[in-house]
PDB file of N, CA and C in Angstrom:
ATOM      1  N   MET A   1     241.088 181.378 188.919  1.00  0.00           N
ATOM      2  CA  MET A   1     241.474 182.451 188.152  1.00  0.00           C
ATOM      3  C   MET A   1     241.615 183.753 188.865  1.00  0.00           C
ATOM      4  N   ASP A   2     240.754 183.905 189.881  1.00  0.00           N
ATOM      5  CA  ASP A   2     240.744 185.171 190.633  1.00  0.00           C
ATOM      6  C   ASP A   2     241.441 184.982 192.015  1.00  0.00           C
ATOM      7  N   ASP A   3     242.305 183.895 192.028  1.00  0.00           N
ATOM      8  CA  ASP A   3     243.140 183.654 193.243  1.00  0.00           C
ATOM      9  C   ASP A   3     244.228 184.671 193.439  1.00  0.00           C
ATOM     10  N   PRO A   4     244.127 185.544 194.435  1.00  0.00           N
ATOM     11  CA  PRO A   4     245.075 186.562 194.693  1.00  0.00           C
ATOM     12  C   PRO A   4     246.447 186.043 195.031  1.00  0.00           C
ATOM     13  N   HIS A   5     246.564 184.739 195.230  1.00  0.00           N
ATOM     14  CA  HIS A   5     247.821 184.097 195.537  1.00  0.00           C
ATOM     15  C   HIS A   5     248.298 183.203 194.412  1.00  0.00           C
ATOM     16  N   ALA A   6     247.786 183.338 193.249  1.00  0.00           N
ATOM     17  CA  ALA A   6     248.160 182.503 192.087  1.00  0.00           C
ATOM     18  C   ALA A   6     249.538 182.677 191.637  1.00  0.00           C
ATOM     19  N   ASN A   7     250.053 183.789 191.641  1.00  0.00           N
ATOM     20  CA  ASN A   7     251.437 184.065 191.275  1.00  0.00           C
ATOM     21  C   ASN A   7     252.490 183.464 192.290  1.00  0.00           C
ATOM     22  N   PHE A   8     252.108 183.637 193.567  1.00  0.00           N
ATOM     23  CA  PHE A   8     252.978 183.060 194.623  1.00  0.00           C
ATOM     24  C   PHE A   8     252.955 181.571 194.499  1.00  0.00           C
ATOM     25  N   LYS A   9     251.734 180.983 194.222  1.00  0.00           N
ATOM     26  CA  LYS A   9     251.679 179.510 194.126  1.00  0.00           C
ATOM     27  C   LYS A   9     252.447 178.902 192.943  1.00  0.00           C
ATOM     28  N   ALA A  10     252.472 179.771 191.858  1.00  0.00           N
ATOM     29  CA  ALA A  10     253.184 179.344 190.744  1.00  0.00           C
ATOM     30  C   ALA A  10     254.767 179.377 190.970  1.00  0.00           C
ATOM     31  N   GLU A  11     255.182 180.390 191.683  1.00  0.00           N
ATOM     32  CA  GLU A  11     256.561 180.510 192.155  1.00  0.00           C
ATOM     33  C   GLU A  11     256.935 179.383 193.067  1.00  0.00           C
ATOM     34  N   VAL A  12     256.107 179.125 193.978  1.00  0.00           N
ATOM     35  CA  VAL A  12     256.333 177.945 194.913  1.00  0.00           C
ATOM     36  C   VAL A  12     256.536 176.663 194.175  1.00  0.00           C
ATOM     37  N   ALA A  13     255.655 176.416 193.163  1.00  0.00           N
ATOM     38  CA  ALA A  13     255.824 175.238 192.337  1.00  0.00           C
ATOM     39  C   ALA A  13     257.087 175.295 191.565  1.00  0.00           C
ATOM     40  N   CYS A  14     257.484 176.426 191.086  1.00  0.00           N
ATOM     41  CA  CYS A  14     258.736 176.417 190.277  1.00  0.00           C
ATOM     42  C   CYS A  14     259.928 176.219 191.118  1.00  0.00           C
ATOM     43  N   TYR A  15     260.037 176.961 192.244  1.00  0.00           N
ATOM     44  CA  TYR A  15     261.267 176.890 193.131  1.00  0.00           C
ATOM     45  C   TYR A  15     261.381 175.655 193.958  1.00  0.00           C
ATOM     46  N   THR A  16     260.248 174.951 194.142  1.00  0.00           N
ATOM     47  CA  THR A  16     260.305 173.771 194.957  1.00  0.00           C
ATOM     48  C   THR A  16     260.698 172.532 194.127  1.00  0.00           C
ATOM     49  N   ALA A  17     260.889 172.702 192.803  1.00  0.00           N
ATOM     50  CA  ALA A  17     261.240 171.704 191.929  1.00  0.00           C
ATOM     51  C   ALA A  17     262.671 171.261 192.226  1.00  0.00           C
ATOM     52  N   ALA A  18     263.542 172.120 192.752  1.00  0.00           N
ATOM     53  CA  ALA A  18     264.921 171.864 193.014  1.00  0.00           C
ATOM     54  C   ALA A  18     265.063 171.564 194.527  1.00  0.00           C
ATOM     55  N   ASP A  19     266.064 170.731 194.888  1.00  0.00           N
ATOM     56  CA  ASP A  19     266.312 170.481 196.295  1.00  0.00           C
ATOM     57  C   ASP A  19     267.530 171.310 196.734  1.00  0.00           C
ATOM     58  N   PRO A  20     267.309 172.255 197.713  1.00  0.00           N
ATOM     59  CA  PRO A  20     268.415 173.074 198.086  1.00  0.00           C
ATOM     60  C   PRO A  20     269.336 172.402 199.073  1.00  0.00           C
ATOM     61  N   MET A  21     268.951 171.279 199.612  1.00  0.00           N
ATOM     62  CA  MET A  21     269.706 170.629 200.796  1.00  0.00           C
ATOM     63  C   MET A  21     271.160 170.174 200.348  1.00  0.00           C
ATOM     64  N   PRO A  22     271.427 169.662 199.134  1.00  0.00           N
ATOM     65  CA  PRO A  22     272.773 169.381 198.778  1.00  0.00           C
ATOM     66  C   PRO A  22     273.689 170.604 198.838  1.00  0.00           C
ATOM     67  N   ALA A  23     273.290 171.701 198.380  1.00  0.00           N
ATOM     68  CA  ALA A  23     274.042 172.929 198.395  1.00  0.00           C
ATOM     69  C   ALA A  23     274.226 173.389 199.843  1.00  0.00           C
ATOM     70  N   LEU A  24     273.248 173.316 200.639  1.00  0.00           N
ATOM     71  CA  LEU A  24     273.295 173.628 202.094  1.00  0.00           C
ATOM     72  C   LEU A  24     274.235 172.752 202.814  1.00  0.00           C
ATOM     73  N   ARG A  25     274.178 171.435 202.492  1.00  0.00           N
ATOM     74  CA  ARG A  25     275.082 170.473 203.178  1.00  0.00           C
ATOM     75  C   ARG A  25     276.553 170.739 202.790  1.00  0.00           C
ATOM     76  N   ASN A  26     276.721 171.009 201.504  1.00  0.00           N
ATOM     77  CA  ASN A  26     278.115 171.386 201.096  1.00  0.00           C
ATOM     78  C   ASN A  26     278.572 172.625 201.759  1.00  0.00           C
ATOM     79  N   LEU A  27     277.748 173.683 201.828  1.00  0.00           N
ATOM     80  CA  LEU A  27     278.113 174.915 202.419  1.00  0.00           C
ATOM     81  C   LEU A  27     278.459 174.642 203.942  1.00  0.00           C
ATOM     82  N   SER A  28     277.646 173.769 204.562  1.00  0.00           N
ATOM     83  CA  SER A  28     277.859 173.416 206.021  1.00  0.00           C
ATOM     84  C   SER A  28     279.237 172.812 206.087  1.00  0.00           C
ATOM     85  N   VAL A  29     279.556 171.850 205.245  1.00  0.00           N
ATOM     86  CA  VAL A  29     280.914 171.186 205.308  1.00  0.00           C
ATOM     87  C   VAL A  29     282.099 172.211 205.133  1.00  0.00           C
ATOM     88  N   GLU A  30     281.852 173.088 204.223  1.00  0.00           N
ATOM     89  CA  GLU A  30     282.912 174.122 203.870  1.00  0.00           C
ATOM     90  C   GLU A  30     283.115 175.122 204.933  1.00  0.00           C
ATOM     91  N   THR A  31     281.987 175.571 205.652  1.00  0.00           N
ATOM     92  CA  THR A  31     282.091 176.675 206.623  1.00  0.00           C
ATOM     93  C   THR A  31     282.088 176.156 208.103  1.00  0.00           C
ATOM     94  N   GLY A  32     281.684 174.930 208.284  1.00  0.00           N
ATOM     95  CA  GLY A  32     281.563 174.477 209.587  1.00  0.00           C
ATOM     96  C   GLY A  32     280.258 174.924 210.333  1.00  0.00           C
ATOM     97  N   ILE A  33     279.388 175.582 209.569  1.00  0.00           N
ATOM     98  CA  ILE A  33     278.115 176.010 210.155  1.00  0.00           C
ATOM     99  C   ILE A  33     277.106 174.863 210.037  1.00  0.00           C
ATOM    100  N   PRO A  34     276.377 174.560 211.080  1.00  0.00           N
ATOM    101  CA  PRO A  34     275.341 173.590 211.064  1.00  0.00           C
ATOM    102  C   PRO A  34     274.265 173.800 209.944  1.00  0.00           C
ATOM    103  N   VAL A  35     273.820 172.790 209.288  1.00  0.00           N
ATOM    104  CA  VAL A  35     272.779 172.965 208.203  1.00  0.00           C
ATOM    105  C   VAL A  35     271.622 173.730 208.805  1.00  0.00           C
ATOM    106  N   ASP A  36     271.084 173.293 209.908  1.00  0.00           N
ATOM    107  CA  ASP A  36     269.837 173.979 210.427  1.00  0.00           C
ATOM    108  C   ASP A  36     270.128 175.515 210.693  1.00  0.00           C
ATOM    109  N   SER A  37     271.286 175.893 210.982  1.00  0.00           N
ATOM    110  CA  SER A  37     271.593 177.338 211.158  1.00  0.00           C
ATOM    111  C   SER A  37     271.651 177.996 209.819  1.00  0.00           C
ATOM    112  N   LEU A  38     272.130 177.374 208.756  1.00  0.00           N
ATOM    113  CA  LEU A  38     272.179 177.911 207.413  1.00  0.00           C
ATOM    114  C   LEU A  38     270.699 178.118 206.902  1.00  0.00           C
ATOM    115  N   VAL A  39     269.835 177.052 207.150  1.00  0.00           N
ATOM    116  CA  VAL A  39     268.529 177.115 206.753  1.00  0.00           C
ATOM    117  C   VAL A  39     267.830 178.294 207.438  1.00  0.00           C
ATOM    118  N   ARG A  40     267.988 178.484 208.674  1.00  0.00           N
ATOM    119  CA  ARG A  40     267.462 179.591 209.423  1.00  0.00           C
ATOM    120  C   ARG A  40     267.934 180.903 208.815  1.00  0.00           C
ATOM    121  N   TYR A  41     269.301 180.977 208.570  1.00  0.00           N
ATOM    122  CA  TYR A  41     269.805 182.239 208.031  1.00  0.00           C
ATOM    123  C   TYR A  41     269.230 182.620 206.688  1.00  0.00           C
ATOM    124  N   VAL A  42     269.068 181.681 205.834  1.00  0.00           N
ATOM    125  CA  VAL A  42     268.396 181.842 204.537  1.00  0.00           C
ATOM    126  C   VAL A  42     266.957 182.371 204.675  1.00  0.00           C
ATOM    127  N   LEU A  43     266.183 181.733 205.566  1.00  0.00           N
ATOM    128  CA  LEU A  43     264.809 182.129 205.726  1.00  0.00           C
ATOM    129  C   LEU A  43     264.722 183.422 206.343  1.00  0.00           C
ATOM    130  N   VAL A  44     265.486 183.831 207.394  1.00  0.00           N
ATOM    131  CA  VAL A  44     265.436 185.127 208.082  1.00  0.00           C
ATOM    132  C   VAL A  44     265.956 186.172 207.146  1.00  0.00           C
ATOM    133  N   LYS A  45     267.078 186.005 206.519  1.00  0.00           N
ATOM    134  CA  LYS A  45     267.575 186.943 205.625  1.00  0.00           C
ATOM    135  C   LYS A  45     266.577 187.290 204.494  1.00  0.00           C
ATOM    136  N   TRP A  46     266.014 186.240 203.916  1.00  0.00           N
ATOM    137  CA  TRP A  46     265.033 186.560 202.803  1.00  0.00           C
ATOM    138  C   TRP A  46     263.799 187.288 203.272  1.00  0.00           C
ATOM    139  N   THR A  47     263.191 186.893 204.506  1.00  0.00           N
ATOM    140  CA  THR A  47     262.029 187.591 204.916  1.00  0.00           C
ATOM    141  C   THR A  47     262.305 188.901 205.458  1.00  0.00           C
ATOM    142  N   ALA A  48     263.507 189.139 205.985  1.00  0.00           N
ATOM    143  CA  ALA A  48     263.793 190.512 206.610  1.00  0.00           C
ATOM    144  C   ALA A  48     264.572 191.435 205.696  1.00  0.00           C
ATOM    145  N   SER A  49     264.897 191.006 204.484  1.00  0.00           N
ATOM    146  CA  SER A  49     265.850 191.853 203.683  1.00  0.00           C
ATOM    147  C   SER A  49     265.123 192.857 202.843  1.00  0.00           C
ATOM    148  N   GLY A  50     263.806 192.810 202.720  1.00  0.00           N
ATOM    149  CA  GLY A  50     263.074 193.914 202.081  1.00  0.00           C
ATOM    150  C   GLY A  50     263.469 194.055 200.620  1.00  0.00           C
ATOM    151  N   SER A  51     264.275 195.046 200.238  1.00  0.00           N
ATOM    152  CA  SER A  51     264.551 195.307 198.861  1.00  0.00           C
ATOM    153  C   SER A  51     265.373 194.150 198.236  1.00  0.00           C
ATOM    154  N   GLU A  52     266.221 193.416 199.088  1.00  0.00           N
ATOM    155  CA  GLU A  52     266.930 192.320 198.539  1.00  0.00           C
ATOM    156  C   GLU A  52     266.011 191.238 198.112  1.00  0.00           C
ATOM    157  N   ALA A  53     264.975 190.958 198.893  1.00  0.00           N
ATOM    158  CA  ALA A  53     264.010 189.922 198.525  1.00  0.00           C
ATOM    159  C   ALA A  53     263.247 190.359 197.284  1.00  0.00           C
ATOM    160  N   LEU A  54     262.900 191.668 197.252  1.00  0.00           N
ATOM    161  CA  LEU A  54     262.218 192.142 196.000  1.00  0.00           C
ATOM    162  C   LEU A  54     263.032 191.978 194.814  1.00  0.00           C
ATOM    163  N   LEU A  55     264.397 192.340 194.916  1.00  0.00           N
ATOM    164  CA  LEU A  55     265.260 192.276 193.781  1.00  0.00           C
ATOM    165  C   LEU A  55     265.461 190.738 193.368  1.00  0.00           C
ATOM    166  N   SER A  56     265.602 189.847 194.335  1.00  0.00           N
ATOM    167  CA  SER A  56     265.917 188.523 193.970  1.00  0.00           C
ATOM    168  C   SER A  56     264.732 187.777 193.341  1.00  0.00           C
ATOM    169  N   MET A  57     263.485 188.310 193.540  1.00  0.00           N
ATOM    170  CA  MET A  57     262.385 187.717 192.762  1.00  0.00           C
ATOM    171  C   MET A  57     261.906 188.568 191.679  1.00  0.00           C
ATOM    172  N   GLY A  58     262.629 189.624 191.413  1.00  0.00           N
ATOM    173  CA  GLY A  58     262.229 190.590 190.477  1.00  0.00           C
ATOM    174  C   GLY A  58     261.913 190.112 189.113  1.00  0.00           C
ATOM    175  N   PRO A  59     262.762 189.426 188.461  1.00  0.00           N
ATOM    176  CA  PRO A  59     262.411 189.034 187.004  1.00  0.00           C
ATOM    177  C   PRO A  59     261.154 188.296 186.877  1.00  0.00           C
ATOM    178  N   ILE A  60     260.736 187.368 187.690  1.00  0.00           N
ATOM    179  CA  ILE A  60     259.509 186.639 187.531  1.00  0.00           C
ATOM    180  C   ILE A  60     258.387 187.607 187.897  1.00  0.00           C
ATOM    181  N   VAL A  61     258.377 188.292 189.049  1.00  0.00           N
ATOM    182  CA  VAL A  61     257.372 189.105 189.559  1.00  0.00           C
ATOM    183  C   VAL A  61     257.177 190.215 188.530  1.00  0.00           C
ATOM    184  N   PHE A  62     258.182 190.895 188.113  1.00  0.00           N
ATOM    185  CA  PHE A  62     258.043 192.041 187.305  1.00  0.00           C
ATOM    186  C   PHE A  62     257.520 191.623 185.917  1.00  0.00           C
ATOM    187  N   GLU A  63     257.811 190.517 185.410  1.00  0.00           N
ATOM    188  CA  GLU A  63     257.236 190.025 184.189  1.00  0.00           C
ATOM    189  C   GLU A  63     255.739 189.694 184.357  1.00  0.00           C
ATOM    190  N   GLN A  64     255.333 189.139 185.457  1.00  0.00           N
ATOM    191  CA  GLN A  64     253.928 188.921 185.735  1.00  0.00           C
ATOM    192  C   GLN A  64     253.176 190.308 185.810  1.00  0.00           C
ATOM    193  N   MET A  65     253.747 191.323 186.442  1.00  0.00           N
ATOM    194  CA  MET A  65     253.159 192.522 186.563  1.00  0.00           C
ATOM    195  C   MET A  65     253.012 193.153 185.099  1.00  0.00           C
ATOM    196  N   ARG A  66     254.023 193.059 184.355  1.00  0.00           N
ATOM    197  CA  ARG A  66     254.070 193.581 182.979  1.00  0.00           C
ATOM    198  C   ARG A  66     252.900 192.913 182.107  1.00  0.00           C
ATOM    199  N   GLN A  67     252.741 191.631 182.352  1.00  0.00           N
ATOM    200  CA  GLN A  67     251.739 190.944 181.572  1.00  0.00           C
ATOM    201  C   GLN A  67     250.289 191.401 181.994  1.00  0.00           C
ATOM    202  N   HIS A  68     250.048 191.656 183.244  1.00  0.00           N
ATOM    203  CA  HIS A  68     248.801 192.195 183.696  1.00  0.00           C
ATOM    204  C   HIS A  68     248.475 193.517 183.009  1.00  0.00           C
ATOM    205  N   ILE A  69     249.395 194.386 182.972  1.00  0.00           N
ATOM    206  CA  ILE A  69     249.250 195.686 182.335  1.00  0.00           C
ATOM    207  C   ILE A  69     249.093 195.560 180.824  1.00  0.00           C
ATOM    208  N   ALA A  70     249.885 194.732 180.251  1.00  0.00           N
ATOM    209  CA  ALA A  70     249.744 194.470 178.779  1.00  0.00           C
ATOM    210  C   ALA A  70     248.317 193.965 178.299  1.00  0.00           C
ATOM    211  N   ARG A  71     247.853 193.010 179.166  1.00  0.00           N
ATOM    212  CA  ARG A  71     246.461 192.497 178.830  1.00  0.00           C
ATOM    213  C   ARG A  71     245.428 193.552 178.927  1.00  0.00           C
ATOM    214  N   ALA A  72     245.544 194.391 179.928  1.00  0.00           N
ATOM    215  CA  ALA A  72     244.665 195.450 180.196  1.00  0.00           C
ATOM    216  C   ALA A  72     244.652 196.530 179.099  1.00  0.00           C
ATOM    217  N   GLU A  73     245.900 196.780 178.720  1.00  0.00           N
ATOM    218  CA  GLU A  73     246.069 197.837 177.604  1.00  0.00           C
ATOM    219  C   GLU A  73     245.568 197.243 176.277  1.00  0.00           C
ATOM    220  N   ALA A  74     245.793 195.975 176.062  1.00  0.00           N
ATOM    221  CA  ALA A  74     245.236 195.309 174.855  1.00  0.00           C
ATOM    222  C   ALA A  74     243.829 195.382 174.760  1.00  0.00           C
ATOM    223  N   ALA A  75     243.129 195.102 175.940  1.00  0.00           N
ATOM    224  CA  ALA A  75     241.775 195.104 175.983  1.00  0.00           C
ATOM    225  C   ALA A  75     241.155 196.534 175.793  1.00  0.00           C
ATOM    226  N   GLY A  76     241.863 197.527 176.369  1.00  0.00           N
ATOM    227  CA  GLY A  76     241.600 198.908 176.128  1.00  0.00           C
ATOM    228  C   GLY A  76     240.320 199.401 176.739  1.00  0.00           C
ATOM    229  N   ASP A  77     239.765 198.669 177.829  1.00  0.00           N
ATOM    230  CA  ASP A  77     238.632 199.264 178.526  1.00  0.00           C
ATOM    231  C   ASP A  77     238.816 199.332 180.054  1.00  0.00           C
ATOM    232  N   ASP A  78     237.943 200.012 180.656  1.00  0.00           N
ATOM    233  CA  ASP A  78     238.111 200.266 182.088  1.00  0.00           C
ATOM    234  C   ASP A  78     238.010 198.958 182.970  1.00  0.00           C
ATOM    235  N   SER A  79     237.081 198.041 182.382  1.00  0.00           N
ATOM    236  CA  SER A  79     236.904 196.779 183.141  1.00  0.00           C
ATOM    237  C   SER A  79     238.267 196.021 183.195  1.00  0.00           C
ATOM    238  N   ALA A  80     238.956 195.910 182.078  1.00  0.00           N
ATOM    239  CA  ALA A  80     240.225 195.267 182.132  1.00  0.00           C
ATOM    240  C   ALA A  80     241.231 195.948 182.868  1.00  0.00           C
ATOM    241  N   ARG A  81     241.314 197.272 182.824  1.00  0.00           N
ATOM    242  CA  ARG A  81     242.283 198.041 183.675  1.00  0.00           C
ATOM    243  C   ARG A  81     241.940 197.846 185.240  1.00  0.00           C
ATOM    244  N   LEU A  82     240.669 197.842 185.532  1.00  0.00           N
ATOM    245  CA  LEU A  82     240.413 197.547 186.959  1.00  0.00           C
ATOM    246  C   LEU A  82     240.812 196.133 187.344  1.00  0.00           C
ATOM    247  N   LYS A  83     240.554 195.171 186.501  1.00  0.00           N
ATOM    248  CA  LYS A  83     241.023 193.813 186.854  1.00  0.00           C
ATOM    249  C   LYS A  83     242.613 193.768 187.004  1.00  0.00           C
ATOM    250  N   ALA A  84     243.373 194.472 186.130  1.00  0.00           N
ATOM    251  CA  ALA A  84     244.715 194.489 186.236  1.00  0.00           C
ATOM    252  C   ALA A  84     245.174 195.227 187.441  1.00  0.00           C
ATOM    253  N   TYR A  85     244.424 196.313 187.769  1.00  0.00           N
ATOM    254  CA  TYR A  85     244.823 197.030 189.025  1.00  0.00           C
ATOM    255  C   TYR A  85     244.628 196.167 190.236  1.00  0.00           C
ATOM    256  N   GLU A  86     243.511 195.365 190.270  1.00  0.00           N
ATOM    257  CA  GLU A  86     243.216 194.485 191.410  1.00  0.00           C
ATOM    258  C   GLU A  86     244.329 193.405 191.498  1.00  0.00           C
ATOM    259  N   SER A  87     244.825 192.860 190.351  1.00  0.00           N
ATOM    260  CA  SER A  87     245.919 191.907 190.367  1.00  0.00           C
ATOM    261  C   SER A  87     247.194 192.565 190.902  1.00  0.00           C
ATOM    262  N   LEU A  88     247.496 193.669 190.388  1.00  0.00           N
ATOM    263  CA  LEU A  88     248.661 194.348 190.820  1.00  0.00           C
ATOM    264  C   LEU A  88     248.591 194.747 192.195  1.00  0.00           C
ATOM    265  N   ARG A  89     247.443 195.131 192.745  1.00  0.00           N
ATOM    266  CA  ARG A  89     247.321 195.482 194.090  1.00  0.00           C
ATOM    267  C   ARG A  89     247.607 194.375 194.980  1.00  0.00           C
ATOM    268  N   HIS A  90     247.207 193.176 194.606  1.00  0.00           N
ATOM    269  CA  HIS A  90     247.434 191.956 195.407  1.00  0.00           C
ATOM    270  C   HIS A  90     248.979 191.581 195.472  1.00  0.00           C
ATOM    271  N   MET A  91     249.503 191.812 194.277  1.00  0.00           N
ATOM    272  CA  MET A  91     251.014 191.436 194.126  1.00  0.00           C
ATOM    273  C   MET A  91     251.846 192.416 194.982  1.00  0.00           C
ATOM    274  N   VAL A  92     251.492 193.719 194.898  1.00  0.00           N
ATOM    275  CA  VAL A  92     252.191 194.716 195.663  1.00  0.00           C
ATOM    276  C   VAL A  92     251.990 194.520 197.132  1.00  0.00           C
ATOM    277  N   SER A  93     250.810 194.152 197.517  1.00  0.00           N
ATOM    278  CA  SER A  93     250.569 193.863 198.924  1.00  0.00           C
ATOM    279  C   SER A  93     251.413 192.706 199.470  1.00  0.00           C
ATOM    280  N   TRP A  94     251.459 191.631 198.557  1.00  0.00           N
ATOM    281  CA  TRP A  94     252.258 190.461 198.964  1.00  0.00           C
ATOM    282  C   TRP A  94     253.773 190.814 199.087  1.00  0.00           C
ATOM    283  N   LEU A  95     254.209 191.646 198.111  1.00  0.00           N
ATOM    284  CA  LEU A  95     255.578 192.090 198.062  1.00  0.00           C
ATOM    285  C   LEU A  95     256.012 192.952 199.281  1.00  0.00           C
ATOM    286  N   ALA A  96     255.025 193.767 199.664  1.00  0.00           N
ATOM    287  CA  ALA A  96     255.234 194.715 200.731  1.00  0.00           C
ATOM    288  C   ALA A  96     255.385 193.886 202.093  1.00  0.00           C
ATOM    289  N   GLN A  97     254.879 192.730 202.163  1.00  0.00           N
ATOM    290  CA  GLN A  97     255.051 191.910 203.335  1.00  0.00           C
ATOM    291  C   GLN A  97     256.501 191.423 203.430  1.00  0.00           C
ATOM    292  N   SER A  98     257.273 191.481 202.326  1.00  0.00           N
ATOM    293  CA  SER A  98     258.667 191.074 202.342  1.00  0.00           C
ATOM    294  C   SER A  98     259.637 192.219 202.795  1.00  0.00           C
ATOM    295  N   VAL A  99     259.089 193.413 202.802  1.00  0.00           N
ATOM    296  CA  VAL A  99     259.884 194.572 203.081  1.00  0.00           C
ATOM    297  C   VAL A  99     259.978 194.838 204.576  1.00  0.00           C
TER     298      VAL A  99
END
């Protein structure tokens, strides 16, 4: 419950349910670019893109952030707000590594 990587782990579980390889193989055939080069491109672009990476994961991450705040405000006490702050701090720290 206090796992600072819980949100990331949930996203990994969600996004690894699909197999990206058929799309990459098709793109490779269409462009003539080897699959391993496309995989490297995707990984480097995502990790180096900063704001693009943040925007691409925005809907899920921002909803999780909103939920932390909503729970804290519903509880209405400093303890809940501190817990939300701590969760948000971990999320922002993780997102900053993408920038």
